[in-house]
Amino acid sequence: KEREFVAAIRWTGSNTAYADSAKGRFTISRDNAKNTV
C-alpha cells in the first residue's frame, strides 16, 4: 500500500490534524523539553 497520513502537529502552538481513520482514536502530542513527539 501507499504511505498514508496519520496525524500532524505544529511544534509551536496547539494545532493538530488527523486522518479520518485516526480521528477519535489517536492523539499526537509533543514534549519540547525532550524534543520528542
PDB file of all heavy atoms in Angstrom:
ATOM      1  N   LYS A   1       0.827  -1.198   0.000  1.00  0.00           N
ATOM      2  CA  LYS A   1       0.000   0.000   0.000  1.00  0.00           C
ATOM      3  C   LYS A   1       0.864   1.252   0.000  1.00  0.00           C
ATOM      4  O   LYS A   1       2.039   1.214   0.336  1.00  0.00           O
ATOM      5  CB  LYS A   1      -0.931   0.011   1.212  1.00  0.00           C
ATOM      6  CG  LYS A   1      -1.946  -1.115   1.233  1.00  0.00           C
ATOM      7  CD  LYS A   1      -2.895  -0.966   2.400  1.00  0.00           C
ATOM      8  CE  LYS A   1      -3.947  -2.056   2.408  1.00  0.00           C
ATOM      9  NZ  LYS A   1      -4.882  -1.906   3.551  1.00  0.00           N
ATOM     10  N   GLU A   2       0.253   2.369  -0.388  1.00  0.00           N
ATOM     11  CA  GLU A   2       0.948   3.643  -0.385  1.00  0.00           C
ATOM     12  C   GLU A   2       1.060   4.187   1.031  1.00  0.00           C
ATOM     13  O   GLU A   2       0.249   3.874   1.907  1.00  0.00           O
ATOM     14  CB  GLU A   2       0.210   4.651  -1.268  1.00  0.00           C
ATOM     15  CG  GLU A   2       0.159   4.276  -2.736  1.00  0.00           C
ATOM     16  CD  GLU A   2      -0.541   5.320  -3.577  1.00  0.00           C
ATOM     17  OE1 GLU A   2      -1.133   6.254  -2.992  1.00  0.00           O
ATOM     18  OE2 GLU A   2      -0.495   5.214  -4.805  1.00  0.00           O
ATOM     19  N   ARG A   3       2.079   5.002   1.244  1.00  0.00           N
ATOM     20  CA  ARG A   3       2.234   5.648   2.535  1.00  0.00           C
ATOM     21  C   ARG A   3       1.085   6.636   2.740  1.00  0.00           C
ATOM     22  O   ARG A   3       0.760   7.416   1.845  1.00  0.00           O
ATOM     23  CB  ARG A   3       3.578   6.366   2.611  1.00  0.00           C
ATOM     24  CG  ARG A   3       3.881   6.997   3.957  1.00  0.00           C
ATOM     25  CD  ARG A   3       5.339   7.417   4.050  1.00  0.00           C
ATOM     26  NE  ARG A   3       6.228   6.270   3.947  1.00  0.00           N
ATOM     27  CZ  ARG A   3       7.551   6.329   4.118  1.00  0.00           C
ATOM     28  NH1 ARG A   3       8.135   7.477   4.393  1.00  0.00           N
ATOM     29  NH2 ARG A   3       8.283   5.228   3.991  1.00  0.00           N
ATOM     30  N   GLU A   4       0.479   6.609   3.914  1.00  0.00           N
ATOM     31  CA  GLU A   4      -0.652   7.470   4.183  1.00  0.00           C
ATOM     32  C   GLU A   4      -0.448   8.303   5.440  1.00  0.00           C
ATOM     33  O   GLU A   4       0.224   7.899   6.387  1.00  0.00           O
ATOM     34  CB  GLU A   4      -1.948   6.655   4.302  1.00  0.00           C
ATOM     35  CG  GLU A   4      -1.983   5.705   5.482  1.00  0.00           C
ATOM     36  CD  GLU A   4      -3.327   5.019   5.646  1.00  0.00           C
ATOM     37  OE1 GLU A   4      -4.330   5.512   5.089  1.00  0.00           O
ATOM     38  OE2 GLU A   4      -3.383   3.976   6.331  1.00  0.00           O
ATOM     39  N   PHE A   5      -1.067   9.451   5.439  1.00  0.00           N
ATOM     40  CA  PHE A   5      -1.011  10.381   6.555  1.00  0.00           C
ATOM     41  C   PHE A   5      -1.801   9.852   7.741  1.00  0.00           C
ATOM     42  O   PHE A   5      -2.863   9.248   7.574  1.00  0.00           O
ATOM     43  CB  PHE A   5      -1.570  11.737   6.108  1.00  0.00           C
ATOM     44  CG  PHE A   5      -1.831  12.692   7.227  1.00  0.00           C
ATOM     45  CD1 PHE A   5      -0.789  13.384   7.828  1.00  0.00           C
ATOM     46  CD2 PHE A   5      -3.122  12.917   7.671  1.00  0.00           C
ATOM     47  CE1 PHE A   5      -1.021  14.271   8.856  1.00  0.00           C
ATOM     48  CE2 PHE A   5      -3.374  13.804   8.694  1.00  0.00           C
ATOM     49  CZ  PHE A   5      -2.317  14.482   9.287  1.00  0.00           C
ATOM     50  N   VAL A   6      -1.275  10.083   8.938  1.00  0.00           N
ATOM     51  CA  VAL A   6      -1.960   9.679  10.166  1.00  0.00           C
ATOM     52  C   VAL A   6      -2.306  10.890  11.024  1.00  0.00           C
ATOM     53  O   VAL A   6      -3.464  11.113  11.371  1.00  0.00           O
ATOM     54  CB  VAL A   6      -1.121   8.690  10.991  1.00  0.00           C
ATOM     55  CG1 VAL A   6      -1.850   8.332  12.286  1.00  0.00           C
ATOM     56  CG2 VAL A   6      -0.823   7.440  10.179  1.00  0.00           C
ATOM     57  N   ALA A   7      -1.293  11.685  11.381  1.00  0.00           N
ATOM     58  CA  ALA A   7      -1.513  12.835  12.250  1.00  0.00           C
ATOM     59  C   ALA A   7      -0.359  13.815  12.118  1.00  0.00           C
ATOM     60  O   ALA A   7       0.737  13.454  11.700  1.00  0.00           O
ATOM     61  CB  ALA A   7      -1.662  12.394  13.712  1.00  0.00           C
ATOM     62  N   ALA A   8      -0.604  15.070  12.492  1.00  0.00           N
ATOM     63  CA  ALA A   8       0.432  16.095  12.447  1.00  0.00           C
ATOM     64  C   ALA A   8       0.201  17.121  13.539  1.00  0.00           C
ATOM     65  O   ALA A   8      -0.924  17.307  14.014  1.00  0.00           O
ATOM     66  CB  ALA A   8       0.462  16.785  11.083  1.00  0.00           C
ATOM     67  N   ILE A   9       1.280  17.800  13.937  1.00  0.00           N
ATOM     68  CA  ILE A   9       1.198  18.815  14.978  1.00  0.00           C
ATOM     69  C   ILE A   9       2.243  19.890  14.730  1.00  0.00           C
ATOM     70  O   ILE A   9       3.350  19.601  14.285  1.00  0.00           O
ATOM     71  CB  ILE A   9       1.397  18.178  16.376  1.00  0.00           C
ATOM     72  CG1 ILE A   9       1.159  19.203  17.487  1.00  0.00           C
ATOM     73  CG2 ILE A   9       2.791  17.558  16.492  1.00  0.00           C
ATOM     74  CD1 ILE A   9       1.120  18.581  18.881  1.00  0.00           C
ATOM     75  N   ARG A  10       1.877  21.132  15.006  1.00  0.00           N
ATOM     76  CA  ARG A  10       2.851  22.201  14.962  1.00  0.00           C
ATOM     77  C   ARG A  10       3.757  22.093  16.187  1.00  0.00           C
ATOM     78  O   ARG A  10       3.276  21.837  17.299  1.00  0.00           O
ATOM     79  CB  ARG A  10       2.167  23.568  14.977  1.00  0.00           C
ATOM     80  CG  ARG A  10       1.367  23.908  13.728  1.00  0.00           C
ATOM     81  CD  ARG A  10       0.884  25.346  13.790  1.00  0.00           C
ATOM     82  NE  ARG A  10      -0.023  25.669  12.709  1.00  0.00           N
ATOM     83  CZ  ARG A  10       0.358  26.109  11.519  1.00  0.00           C
ATOM     84  NH1 ARG A  10       1.658  26.269  11.250  1.00  0.00           N
ATOM     85  NH2 ARG A  10      -0.539  26.388  10.587  1.00  0.00           N
ATOM     86  N   TRP A  11       5.073  22.254  15.992  1.00  0.00           N
ATOM     87  CA  TRP A  11       5.987  22.171  17.131  1.00  0.00           C
ATOM     88  C   TRP A  11       5.718  23.275  18.132  1.00  0.00           C
ATOM     89  O   TRP A  11       5.867  23.091  19.336  1.00  0.00           O
ATOM     90  CB  TRP A  11       7.440  22.208  16.647  1.00  0.00           C
ATOM     91  CG  TRP A  11       8.402  21.778  17.708  1.00  0.00           C
ATOM     92  CD1 TRP A  11       9.315  22.551  18.369  1.00  0.00           C
ATOM     93  CD2 TRP A  11       8.550  20.459  18.253  1.00  0.00           C
ATOM     94  NE1 TRP A  11      10.020  21.803  19.274  1.00  0.00           N
ATOM     95  CE2 TRP A  11       9.569  20.506  19.223  1.00  0.00           C
ATOM     96  CE3 TRP A  11       7.912  19.236  17.998  1.00  0.00           C
ATOM     97  CZ2 TRP A  11       9.965  19.374  19.944  1.00  0.00           C
ATOM     98  CZ3 TRP A  11       8.303  18.118  18.723  1.00  0.00           C
ATOM     99  CH2 TRP A  11       9.319  18.200  19.672  1.00  0.00           C
ATOM    100  N   THR A  12       5.340  24.428  17.630  1.00  0.00           N
ATOM    101  CA  THR A  12       4.898  25.526  18.481  1.00  0.00           C
ATOM    102  C   THR A  12       3.418  25.750  18.227  1.00  0.00           C
ATOM    103  O   THR A  12       2.963  25.793  17.084  1.00  0.00           O
ATOM    104  CB  THR A  12       5.670  26.817  18.199  1.00  0.00           C
ATOM    105  OG1 THR A  12       5.513  27.185  16.821  1.00  0.00           O
ATOM    106  CG2 THR A  12       7.150  26.622  18.491  1.00  0.00           C
ATOM    107  N   GLY A  13       2.658  25.879  19.275  1.00  0.00           N
ATOM    108  CA  GLY A  13       1.228  26.021  19.157  1.00  0.00           C
ATOM    109  C   GLY A  13       0.534  24.693  19.375  1.00  0.00           C
ATOM    110  O   GLY A  13       1.167  23.649  19.557  1.00  0.00           O
ATOM    111  N   SER A  14      -0.785  24.711  19.331  1.00  0.00           N
ATOM    112  CA  SER A  14      -1.575  23.531  19.637  1.00  0.00           C
ATOM    113  C   SER A  14      -2.341  22.975  18.440  1.00  0.00           C
ATOM    114  O   SER A  14      -3.211  22.115  18.619  1.00  0.00           O
ATOM    115  CB  SER A  14      -2.557  23.845  20.768  1.00  0.00           C
ATOM    116  OG  SER A  14      -3.420  24.914  20.416  1.00  0.00           O
ATOM    117  N   ASN A  15      -2.038  23.443  17.246  1.00  0.00           N
ATOM    118  CA  ASN A  15      -2.757  22.977  16.067  1.00  0.00           C
ATOM    119  C   ASN A  15      -2.408  21.526  15.749  1.00  0.00           C
ATOM    120  O   ASN A  15      -1.236  21.153  15.720  1.00  0.00           O
ATOM    121  CB  ASN A  15      -2.426  23.850  14.858  1.00  0.00           C
ATOM    122  CG  ASN A  15      -2.752  25.311  15.069  1.00  0.00           C
ATOM    123  OD1 ASN A  15      -1.875  26.102  15.400  1.00  0.00           O
ATOM    124  ND2 ASN A  15      -4.019  25.668  14.880  1.00  0.00           N
ATOM    125  N   THR A  16      -3.419  20.730  15.502  1.00  0.00           N
ATOM    126  CA  THR A  16      -3.232  19.336  15.139  1.00  0.00           C
ATOM    127  C   THR A  16      -4.134  18.979  13.971  1.00  0.00           C
ATOM    128  O   THR A  16      -5.140  19.641  13.720  1.00  0.00           O
ATOM    129  CB  THR A  16      -3.541  18.391  16.313  1.00  0.00           C
ATOM    130  OG1 THR A  16      -4.887  18.609  16.759  1.00  0.00           O
ATOM    131  CG2 THR A  16      -2.586  18.644  17.469  1.00  0.00           C
ATOM    132  N   ALA A  17      -3.773  17.922  13.262  1.00  0.00           N
ATOM    133  CA  ALA A  17      -4.577  17.424  12.156  1.00  0.00           C
ATOM    134  C   ALA A  17      -4.533  15.904  12.179  1.00  0.00           C
ATOM    135  O   ALA A  17      -3.505  15.316  12.517  1.00  0.00           O
ATOM    136  CB  ALA A  17      -4.057  17.954  10.824  1.00  0.00           C
ATOM    137  N   TYR A  18      -5.648  15.274  11.821  1.00  0.00           N
ATOM    138  CA  TYR A  18      -5.744  13.823  11.852  1.00  0.00           C
ATOM    139  C   TYR A  18      -6.394  13.288  10.592  1.00  0.00           C
ATOM    140  O   TYR A  18      -7.263  13.929   9.998  1.00  0.00           O
ATOM    141  CB  TYR A  18      -6.572  13.349  13.049  1.00  0.00           C
ATOM    142  CG  TYR A  18      -5.962  13.651  14.392  1.00  0.00           C
ATOM    143  CD1 TYR A  18      -6.295  14.807  15.086  1.00  0.00           C
ATOM    144  CD2 TYR A  18      -5.048  12.773  14.967  1.00  0.00           C
ATOM    145  CE1 TYR A  18      -5.732  15.083  16.318  1.00  0.00           C
ATOM    146  CE2 TYR A  18      -4.481  13.043  16.197  1.00  0.00           C
ATOM    147  CZ  TYR A  18      -4.824  14.191  16.872  1.00  0.00           C
ATOM    148  OH  TYR A  18      -4.269  14.466  18.097  1.00  0.00           O
ATOM    149  N   ALA A  19      -5.970  12.102  10.201  1.00  0.00           N
ATOM    150  CA  ALA A  19      -6.665  11.384   9.154  1.00  0.00           C
ATOM    151  C   ALA A  19      -8.004  10.920   9.706  1.00  0.00           C
ATOM    152  O   ALA A  19      -8.160  10.718  10.912  1.00  0.00           O
ATOM    153  CB  ALA A  19      -5.843  10.184   8.686  1.00  0.00           C
ATOM    154  N   ASP A  20      -8.974  10.743   8.823  1.00  0.00           N
ATOM    155  CA  ASP A  20     -10.286  10.290   9.269  1.00  0.00           C
ATOM    156  C   ASP A  20     -10.197   8.950   9.999  1.00  0.00           C
ATOM    157  O   ASP A  20     -10.930   8.705  10.961  1.00  0.00           O
ATOM    158  CB  ASP A  20     -11.239  10.168   8.081  1.00  0.00           C
ATOM    159  CG  ASP A  20     -11.639  11.513   7.508  1.00  0.00           C
ATOM    160  OD1 ASP A  20     -11.515  12.524   8.220  1.00  0.00           O
ATOM    161  OD2 ASP A  20     -12.079  11.551   6.345  1.00  0.00           O
ATOM    162  N   SER A  21      -9.302   8.092   9.555  1.00  0.00           N
ATOM    163  CA  SER A  21      -9.145   6.782  10.162  1.00  0.00           C
ATOM    164  C   SER A  21      -8.585   6.849  11.577  1.00  0.00           C
ATOM    165  O   SER A  21      -8.753   5.911  12.355  1.00  0.00           O
ATOM    166  CB  SER A  21      -8.240   5.901   9.295  1.00  0.00           C
ATOM    167  OG  SER A  21      -6.952   6.475   9.154  1.00  0.00           O
ATOM    168  N   ALA A  22      -7.912   7.953  11.906  1.00  0.00           N
ATOM    169  CA  ALA A  22      -7.292   8.104  13.217  1.00  0.00           C
ATOM    170  C   ALA A  22      -8.114   8.956  14.172  1.00  0.00           C
ATOM    171  O   ALA A  22      -7.915   8.886  15.391  1.00  0.00           O
ATOM    172  CB  ALA A  22      -5.902   8.722  13.065  1.00  0.00           C
ATOM    173  N   LYS A  23      -9.009   9.730  13.646  1.00  0.00           N
ATOM    174  CA  LYS A  23      -9.795  10.667  14.441  1.00  0.00           C
ATOM    175  C   LYS A  23     -10.566   9.953  15.546  1.00  0.00           C
ATOM    176  O   LYS A  23     -11.252   8.967  15.306  1.00  0.00           O
ATOM    177  CB  LYS A  23     -10.756  11.430  13.536  1.00  0.00           C
ATOM    178  CG  LYS A  23     -11.451  12.601  14.192  1.00  0.00           C
ATOM    179  CD  LYS A  23     -12.440  13.246  13.229  1.00  0.00           C
ATOM    180  CE  LYS A  23     -11.773  13.661  11.929  1.00  0.00           C
ATOM    181  NZ  LYS A  23     -12.737  14.285  10.982  1.00  0.00           N
ATOM    182  N   GLY A  24     -10.421  10.456  16.764  1.00  0.00           N
ATOM    183  CA  GLY A  24     -11.126   9.892  17.894  1.00  0.00           C
ATOM    184  C   GLY A  24     -10.416   8.735  18.559  1.00  0.00           C
ATOM    185  O   GLY A  24     -10.785   8.336  19.664  1.00  0.00           O
ATOM    186  N   ARG A  25      -9.393   8.176  17.916  1.00  0.00           N
ATOM    187  CA  ARG A  25      -8.654   7.046  18.471  1.00  0.00           C
ATOM    188  C   ARG A  25      -7.192   7.374  18.742  1.00  0.00           C
ATOM    189  O   ARG A  25      -6.617   6.888  19.709  1.00  0.00           O
ATOM    190  CB  ARG A  25      -8.717   5.845  17.529  1.00  0.00           C
ATOM    191  CG  ARG A  25     -10.123   5.322  17.281  1.00  0.00           C
ATOM    192  CD  ARG A  25     -10.092   4.006  16.503  1.00  0.00           C
ATOM    193  NE  ARG A  25      -9.455   4.149  15.197  1.00  0.00           N
ATOM    194  CZ  ARG A  25      -8.408   3.443  14.785  1.00  0.00           C
ATOM    195  NH1 ARG A  25      -7.874   2.519  15.583  1.00  0.00           N
ATOM    196  NH2 ARG A  25      -7.900   3.639  13.573  1.00  0.00           N
ATOM    197  N   PHE A  26      -6.591   8.194  17.885  1.00  0.00           N
ATOM    198  CA  PHE A  26      -5.180   8.540  18.013  1.00  0.00           C
ATOM    199  C   PHE A  26      -5.033   9.977  18.494  1.00  0.00           C
ATOM    200  O   PHE A  26      -5.853  10.843  18.168  1.00  0.00           O
ATOM    201  CB  PHE A  26      -4.459   8.404  16.674  1.00  0.00           C
ATOM    202  CG  PHE A  26      -4.387   6.997  16.131  1.00  0.00           C
ATOM    203  CD1 PHE A  26      -4.956   5.928  16.803  1.00  0.00           C
ATOM    204  CD2 PHE A  26      -3.736   6.757  14.933  1.00  0.00           C
ATOM    205  CE1 PHE A  26      -4.886   4.643  16.296  1.00  0.00           C
ATOM    206  CE2 PHE A  26      -3.655   5.475  14.417  1.00  0.00           C
ATOM    207  CZ  PHE A  26      -4.227   4.416  15.092  1.00  0.00           C
ATOM    208  N   THR A  27      -3.962  10.233  19.245  1.00  0.00           N
ATOM    209  CA  THR A  27      -3.666  11.572  19.719  1.00  0.00           C
ATOM    210  C   THR A  27      -2.182  11.870  19.541  1.00  0.00           C
ATOM    211  O   THR A  27      -1.337  11.112  20.015  1.00  0.00           O
ATOM    212  CB  THR A  27      -4.036  11.742  21.202  1.00  0.00           C
ATOM    213  OG1 THR A  27      -5.424  11.448  21.400  1.00  0.00           O
ATOM    214  CG2 THR A  27      -3.767  13.175  21.649  1.00  0.00           C
ATOM    215  N   ILE A  28      -1.878  12.956  18.856  1.00  0.00           N
ATOM    216  CA  ILE A  28      -0.497  13.373  18.683  1.00  0.00           C
ATOM    217  C   ILE A  28      -0.188  14.463  19.701  1.00  0.00           C
ATOM    218  O   ILE A  28      -1.022  15.336  19.957  1.00  0.00           O
ATOM    219  CB  ILE A  28      -0.224  13.860  17.243  1.00  0.00           C
ATOM    220  CG1 ILE A  28       1.265  14.147  17.039  1.00  0.00           C
ATOM    221  CG2 ILE A  28      -1.065  15.087  16.907  1.00  0.00           C
ATOM    222  CD1 ILE A  28       1.640  14.404  15.579  1.00  0.00           C
ATOM    223  N   SER A  29       0.998  14.405  20.297  1.00  0.00           N
ATOM    224  CA  SER A  29       1.392  15.383  21.301  1.00  0.00           C
ATOM    225  C   SER A  29       2.893  15.591  21.244  1.00  0.00           C
ATOM    226  O   SER A  29       3.598  14.890  20.515  1.00  0.00           O
ATOM    227  CB  SER A  29       0.958  14.933  22.704  1.00  0.00           C
ATOM    228  OG  SER A  29       1.571  13.704  23.055  1.00  0.00           O
ATOM    229  N   ARG A  30       3.393  16.535  22.018  1.00  0.00           N
ATOM    230  CA  ARG A  30       4.815  16.832  21.996  1.00  0.00           C
ATOM    231  C   ARG A  30       5.320  17.193  23.380  1.00  0.00           C
ATOM    232  O   ARG A  30       4.561  17.616  24.259  1.00  0.00           O
ATOM    233  CB  ARG A  30       5.105  17.983  21.027  1.00  0.00           C
ATOM    234  CG  ARG A  30       4.486  19.312  21.474  1.00  0.00           C
ATOM    235  CD  ARG A  30       4.793  20.411  20.479  1.00  0.00           C
ATOM    236  NE  ARG A  30       4.281  21.698  20.921  1.00  0.00           N
ATOM    237  CZ  ARG A  30       3.059  22.136  20.658  1.00  0.00           C
ATOM    238  NH1 ARG A  30       2.212  21.391  19.956  1.00  0.00           N
ATOM    239  NH2 ARG A  30       2.679  23.328  21.093  1.00  0.00           N
ATOM    240  N   ASP A  31       6.626  17.025  23.558  1.00  0.00           N
ATOM    241  CA  ASP A  31       7.316  17.420  24.772  1.00  0.00           C
ATOM    242  C   ASP A  31       8.546  18.188  24.316  1.00  0.00           C
ATOM    243  O   ASP A  31       9.553  17.594  23.929  1.00  0.00           O
ATOM    244  CB  ASP A  31       7.704  16.207  25.609  1.00  0.00           C
ATOM    245  CG  ASP A  31       8.308  16.588  26.950  1.00  0.00           C
ATOM    246  OD1 ASP A  31       8.903  17.677  27.063  1.00  0.00           O
ATOM    247  OD2 ASP A  31       8.190  15.791  27.899  1.00  0.00           O
ATOM    248  N   ASN A  32       8.456  19.492  24.343  1.00  0.00           N
ATOM    249  CA  ASN A  32       9.540  20.328  23.836  1.00  0.00           C
ATOM    250  C   ASN A  32      10.838  20.147  24.626  1.00  0.00           C
ATOM    251  O   ASN A  32      11.927  20.211  24.054  1.00  0.00           O
ATOM    252  CB  ASN A  32       9.121  21.798  23.855  1.00  0.00           C
ATOM    253  CG  ASN A  32       8.045  22.103  22.838  1.00  0.00           C
ATOM    254  OD1 ASN A  32       7.965  21.472  21.788  1.00  0.00           O
ATOM    255  ND2 ASN A  32       7.204  23.083  23.138  1.00  0.00           N
ATOM    256  N   ALA A  33      10.736  19.950  25.926  1.00  0.00           N
ATOM    257  CA  ALA A  33      11.918  19.780  26.760  1.00  0.00           C
ATOM    258  C   ALA A  33      12.711  18.542  26.353  1.00  0.00           C
ATOM    259  O   ALA A  33      13.936  18.524  26.452  1.00  0.00           O
ATOM    260  CB  ALA A  33      11.529  19.709  28.226  1.00  0.00           C
ATOM    261  N   LYS A  34      12.017  17.502  25.910  1.00  0.00           N
ATOM    262  CA  LYS A  34      12.661  16.258  25.499  1.00  0.00           C
ATOM    263  C   LYS A  34      12.831  16.150  23.991  1.00  0.00           C
ATOM    264  O   LYS A  34      13.347  15.139  23.497  1.00  0.00           O
ATOM    265  CB  LYS A  34      11.858  15.061  26.004  1.00  0.00           C
ATOM    266  CG  LYS A  34      11.780  14.963  27.520  1.00  0.00           C
ATOM    267  CD  LYS A  34      10.991  13.739  27.946  1.00  0.00           C
ATOM    268  CE  LYS A  34      10.937  13.623  29.452  1.00  0.00           C
ATOM    269  NZ  LYS A  34      10.163  12.431  29.887  1.00  0.00           N
ATOM    270  N   ASN A  35      12.391  17.172  23.268  1.00  0.00           N
ATOM    271  CA  ASN A  35      12.466  17.174  21.805  1.00  0.00           C
ATOM    272  C   ASN A  35      11.853  15.895  21.244  1.00  0.00           C
ATOM    273  O   ASN A  35      12.434  15.225  20.387  1.00  0.00           O
ATOM    274  CB  ASN A  35      13.915  17.320  21.334  1.00  0.00           C
ATOM    275  CG  ASN A  35      14.023  17.740  19.882  1.00  0.00           C
ATOM    276  OD1 ASN A  35      13.163  18.439  19.353  1.00  0.00           O
ATOM    277  ND2 ASN A  35      15.088  17.305  19.217  1.00  0.00           N
ATOM    278  N   THR A  36      10.671  15.571  21.745  1.00  0.00           N
ATOM    279  CA  THR A  36      10.016  14.314  21.416  1.00  0.00           C
ATOM    280  C   THR A  36       8.565  14.538  20.998  1.00  0.00           C
ATOM    281  O   THR A  36       7.875  15.394  21.552  1.00  0.00           O
ATOM    282  CB  THR A  36      10.049  13.354  22.617  1.00  0.00           C
ATOM    283  OG1 THR A  36      11.412  13.146  23.012  1.00  0.00           O
ATOM    284  CG2 THR A  36       9.424  12.016  22.269  1.00  0.00           C
ATOM    285  N   VAL A  37       8.119  13.761  20.032  1.00  0.00           N
ATOM    286  CA  VAL A  37       6.732  13.762  19.587  1.00  0.00           C
ATOM    287  C   VAL A  37       6.155  12.375  19.833  1.00  0.00           C
ATOM    288  O   VAL A  37       6.832  11.363  19.630  1.00  0.00           O
ATOM    289  CB  VAL A  37       6.617  14.130  18.101  1.00  0.00           C
ATOM    290  CG1 VAL A  37       5.163  14.090  17.648  1.00  0.00           C
ATOM    291  CG2 VAL A  37       7.201  15.509  17.853  1.00  0.00           C
TER     292      VAL A  37
END
